Amino acid sequence: MDIQTLTEFFMWMTIIGFTLLLISTLTVWKLGDFLYSLHGNWFNISREDFNRIAYAYLGMFKVAFLFLSLIPYVALLIIA
């Protein structure tokens, strides 16, 4: 596998990952009450716990996105 193919792979991975992160963030932001009413009944959690879980999810998603797709893509651009 050559560096051009790897760079293109990580480019698309970054685009898809950022899109999913954006959709997840907007979903939690705009539909938080609906998501809480749905999951709160299933798992019997408080609103504060739901907010903490959603915030932790978005934070872990962002860190994974940065370290697994964006940083390798930028590194490949630098060395190419």
N, C-alpha and C. Protein backbone atom coordinates (compact mmCIF):
# COMPACT_ATOMS: atom_id res chain seq x y z
N MET A 1 0.84 -1.17 0.00
CA MET A 1 0.00 0.00 0.00
C MET A 1 0.90 1.24 0.00
N ASP A 2 0.70 2.14 -0.93
CA ASP A 2 1.55 3.31 -1.03
C ASP A 2 0.98 4.46 -0.19
N ILE A 3 1.80 5.50 -0.03
CA ILE A 3 1.44 6.61 0.84
C ILE A 3 0.23 7.39 0.31
N GLN A 4 0.07 7.45 -1.00
CA GLN A 4 -1.08 8.15 -1.59
C GLN A 4 -2.39 7.46 -1.23
N THR A 5 -2.40 6.13 -1.29
CA THR A 5 -3.59 5.37 -0.92
C THR A 5 -3.91 5.54 0.55
N LEU A 6 -2.88 5.49 1.40
CA LEU A 6 -3.10 5.69 2.83
C LEU A 6 -3.63 7.09 3.13
N THR A 7 -3.08 8.08 2.45
CA THR A 7 -3.54 9.46 2.66
C THR A 7 -4.99 9.60 2.26
N GLU A 8 -5.37 9.01 1.14
CA GLU A 8 -6.76 9.08 0.70
C GLU A 8 -7.68 8.34 1.65
N PHE A 9 -7.24 7.19 2.15
CA PHE A 9 -8.02 6.43 3.12
C PHE A 9 -8.28 7.26 4.37
N PHE A 10 -7.23 7.87 4.93
CA PHE A 10 -7.39 8.67 6.14
C PHE A 10 -8.17 9.95 5.87
N MET A 11 -8.10 10.48 4.66
CA MET A 11 -8.91 11.65 4.31
C MET A 11 -10.40 11.30 4.42
N TRP A 12 -10.79 10.18 3.79
CA TRP A 12 -12.19 9.79 3.84
C TRP A 12 -12.61 9.37 5.25
N MET A 13 -11.71 8.74 5.97
CA MET A 13 -12.00 8.37 7.35
C MET A 13 -12.24 9.61 8.21
N THR A 14 -11.45 10.66 7.97
CA THR A 14 -11.61 11.92 8.69
C THR A 14 -12.94 12.59 8.32
N ILE A 15 -13.28 12.60 7.06
CA ILE A 15 -14.53 13.21 6.63
C ILE A 15 -15.73 12.48 7.23
N ILE A 16 -15.72 11.17 7.16
CA ILE A 16 -16.83 10.38 7.71
C ILE A 16 -16.88 10.52 9.22
N GLY A 17 -15.74 10.45 9.88
CA GLY A 17 -15.71 10.58 11.34
C GLY A 17 -16.19 11.94 11.81
N PHE A 18 -15.78 13.01 11.11
CA PHE A 18 -16.23 14.35 11.48
C PHE A 18 -17.74 14.49 11.27
N THR A 19 -18.25 13.92 10.19
CA THR A 19 -19.68 13.97 9.93
C THR A 19 -20.47 13.26 11.03
N LEU A 20 -19.99 12.09 11.44
CA LEU A 20 -20.66 11.37 12.52
C LEU A 20 -20.57 12.12 13.84
N LEU A 21 -19.43 12.73 14.11
CA LEU A 21 -19.29 13.53 15.33
C LEU A 21 -20.24 14.72 15.31
N LEU A 22 -20.35 15.39 14.18
CA LEU A 22 -21.25 16.53 14.04
C LEU A 22 -22.71 16.09 14.22
N ILE A 23 -23.09 15.00 13.59
CA ILE A 23 -24.47 14.50 13.72
C ILE A 23 -24.76 14.11 15.16
N SER A 24 -23.81 13.44 15.81
CA SER A 24 -24.01 13.04 17.21
C SER A 24 -24.16 14.25 18.11
N THR A 25 -23.31 15.25 17.90
CA THR A 25 -23.37 16.46 18.72
C THR A 25 -24.69 17.19 18.52
N LEU A 26 -25.10 17.35 17.28
CA LEU A 26 -26.37 18.03 17.01
C LEU A 26 -27.56 17.23 17.55
N THR A 27 -27.49 15.91 17.47
CA THR A 27 -28.57 15.08 17.99
C THR A 27 -28.69 15.23 19.50
N VAL A 28 -27.58 15.16 20.21
CA VAL A 28 -27.62 15.31 21.66
C VAL A 28 -28.07 16.72 22.04
N TRP A 29 -27.63 17.71 21.27
CA TRP A 29 -27.97 19.10 21.57
C TRP A 29 -29.45 19.39 21.31
N LYS A 30 -29.93 19.02 20.13
CA LYS A 30 -31.30 19.37 19.74
C LYS A 30 -32.36 18.38 20.23
N LEU A 31 -32.01 17.12 20.34
CA LEU A 31 -32.98 16.09 20.72
C LEU A 31 -32.70 15.50 22.09
N GLY A 32 -32.00 16.24 22.94
CA GLY A 32 -31.63 15.73 24.26
C GLY A 32 -32.82 15.33 25.11
N ASP A 33 -33.87 16.15 25.10
CA ASP A 33 -35.06 15.82 25.90
C ASP A 33 -35.73 14.55 25.42
N PHE A 34 -35.84 14.41 24.10
CA PHE A 34 -36.44 13.19 23.55
C PHE A 34 -35.59 11.97 23.89
N LEU A 35 -34.27 12.09 23.71
CA LEU A 35 -33.39 10.96 24.01
C LEU A 35 -33.45 10.59 25.48
N TYR A 36 -33.53 11.61 26.35
CA TYR A 36 -33.64 11.33 27.79
C TYR A 36 -34.95 10.63 28.10
N SER A 37 -36.05 11.09 27.52
CA SER A 37 -37.33 10.45 27.82
C SER A 37 -37.34 9.00 27.34
N LEU A 38 -36.69 8.74 26.23
CA LEU A 38 -36.62 7.38 25.71
C LEU A 38 -35.71 6.50 26.57
N HIS A 39 -34.49 6.93 26.79
CA HIS A 39 -33.52 6.11 27.53
C HIS A 39 -33.74 6.16 29.04
N GLY A 40 -34.28 7.26 29.52
CA GLY A 40 -34.56 7.35 30.95
C GLY A 40 -35.55 6.30 31.41
N ASN A 41 -36.52 5.99 30.56
CA ASN A 41 -37.49 4.95 30.90
C ASN A 41 -36.87 3.56 30.82
N TRP A 42 -36.00 3.35 29.87
CA TRP A 42 -35.38 2.04 29.71
C TRP A 42 -34.42 1.71 30.84
N PHE A 43 -33.62 2.70 31.24
CA PHE A 43 -32.53 2.42 32.18
C PHE A 43 -32.70 3.08 33.54
N ASN A 44 -33.79 3.81 33.75
CA ASN A 44 -34.09 4.44 35.02
C ASN A 44 -32.91 5.28 35.53
N ILE A 45 -32.50 6.27 34.73
CA ILE A 45 -31.41 7.15 35.11
C ILE A 45 -31.94 8.57 35.26
N SER A 46 -31.25 9.37 36.05
CA SER A 46 -31.65 10.76 36.25
C SER A 46 -31.20 11.60 35.06
N ARG A 47 -31.75 12.79 34.97
CA ARG A 47 -31.37 13.70 33.88
C ARG A 47 -29.89 14.08 34.00
N GLU A 48 -29.43 14.30 35.21
CA GLU A 48 -28.02 14.66 35.41
C GLU A 48 -27.10 13.53 34.96
N ASP A 49 -27.46 12.30 35.27
CA ASP A 49 -26.65 11.16 34.82
C ASP A 49 -26.67 11.04 33.30
N PHE A 50 -27.84 11.26 32.71
CA PHE A 50 -27.93 11.23 31.25
C PHE A 50 -27.04 12.28 30.62
N ASN A 51 -27.06 13.49 31.18
CA ASN A 51 -26.20 14.56 30.65
C ASN A 51 -24.72 14.20 30.77
N ARG A 52 -24.33 13.61 31.90
CA ARG A 52 -22.94 13.19 32.08
C ARG A 52 -22.55 12.11 31.07
N ILE A 53 -23.44 11.16 30.86
CA ILE A 53 -23.16 10.08 29.91
C ILE A 53 -23.04 10.63 28.49
N ALA A 54 -23.95 11.52 28.11
CA ALA A 54 -23.91 12.11 26.77
C ALA A 54 -22.64 12.93 26.59
N TYR A 55 -22.25 13.71 27.61
CA TYR A 55 -21.04 14.52 27.53
C TYR A 55 -19.80 13.63 27.43
N ALA A 56 -19.76 12.55 28.21
CA ALA A 56 -18.64 11.63 28.16
C ALA A 56 -18.56 10.93 26.81
N TYR A 57 -19.70 10.54 26.26
CA TYR A 57 -19.75 9.91 24.94
C TYR A 57 -19.17 10.84 23.88
N LEU A 58 -19.62 12.09 23.86
CA LEU A 58 -19.13 13.04 22.87
C LEU A 58 -17.64 13.31 23.06
N GLY A 59 -17.19 13.38 24.30
CA GLY A 59 -15.77 13.59 24.56
C GLY A 59 -14.91 12.44 24.10
N MET A 60 -15.34 11.22 24.39
CA MET A 60 -14.57 10.05 23.96
C MET A 60 -14.59 9.91 22.44
N PHE A 61 -15.72 10.22 21.82
CA PHE A 61 -15.82 10.18 20.37
C PHE A 61 -14.85 11.18 19.76
N LYS A 62 -14.78 12.40 20.34
CA LYS A 62 -13.90 13.42 19.81
C LYS A 62 -12.43 13.02 19.94
N VAL A 63 -12.05 12.47 21.08
CA VAL A 63 -10.67 12.02 21.28
C VAL A 63 -10.32 10.90 20.31
N ALA A 64 -11.23 9.93 20.16
CA ALA A 64 -10.98 8.83 19.23
C ALA A 64 -10.86 9.35 17.80
N PHE A 65 -11.72 10.29 17.43
CA PHE A 65 -11.66 10.88 16.10
C PHE A 65 -10.33 11.57 15.87
N LEU A 66 -9.88 12.34 16.84
CA LEU A 66 -8.61 13.06 16.69
C LEU A 66 -7.44 12.11 16.55
N PHE A 67 -7.34 11.13 17.44
CA PHE A 67 -6.17 10.26 17.46
C PHE A 67 -6.19 9.16 16.41
N LEU A 68 -7.37 8.74 15.98
CA LEU A 68 -7.43 7.63 15.04
C LEU A 68 -7.61 8.04 13.58
N SER A 69 -8.02 9.29 13.33
CA SER A 69 -8.19 9.67 11.93
C SER A 69 -7.56 11.02 11.59
N LEU A 70 -7.82 12.06 12.36
CA LEU A 70 -7.34 13.39 11.98
C LEU A 70 -5.82 13.51 12.10
N ILE A 71 -5.25 13.10 13.22
CA ILE A 71 -3.80 13.23 13.41
C ILE A 71 -3.03 12.37 12.41
N PRO A 72 -3.41 11.09 12.19
CA PRO A 72 -2.70 10.33 11.14
C PRO A 72 -2.83 10.95 9.76
N TYR A 73 -3.98 11.52 9.45
CA TYR A 73 -4.16 12.16 8.14
C TYR A 73 -3.24 13.36 7.99
N VAL A 74 -3.18 14.20 9.02
CA VAL A 74 -2.29 15.37 8.97
C VAL A 74 -0.82 14.91 8.87
N ALA A 75 -0.45 13.88 9.62
CA ALA A 75 0.91 13.37 9.55
C ALA A 75 1.26 12.87 8.15
N LEU A 76 0.33 12.18 7.53
CA LEU A 76 0.56 11.72 6.17
C LEU A 76 0.68 12.87 5.19
N LEU A 77 -0.09 13.92 5.39
CA LEU A 77 0.03 15.10 4.53
C LEU A 77 1.40 15.76 4.69
N ILE A 78 1.90 15.77 5.92
CA ILE A 78 3.20 16.41 6.18
C ILE A 78 4.33 15.63 5.52
N ILE A 79 4.29 14.29 5.61
CA ILE A 79 5.41 13.51 5.08
C ILE A 79 5.32 13.26 3.58
N ALA A 80 4.15 13.52 2.99
CA ALA A 80 3.97 13.24 1.55
C ALA A 80 4.71 14.21 0.67
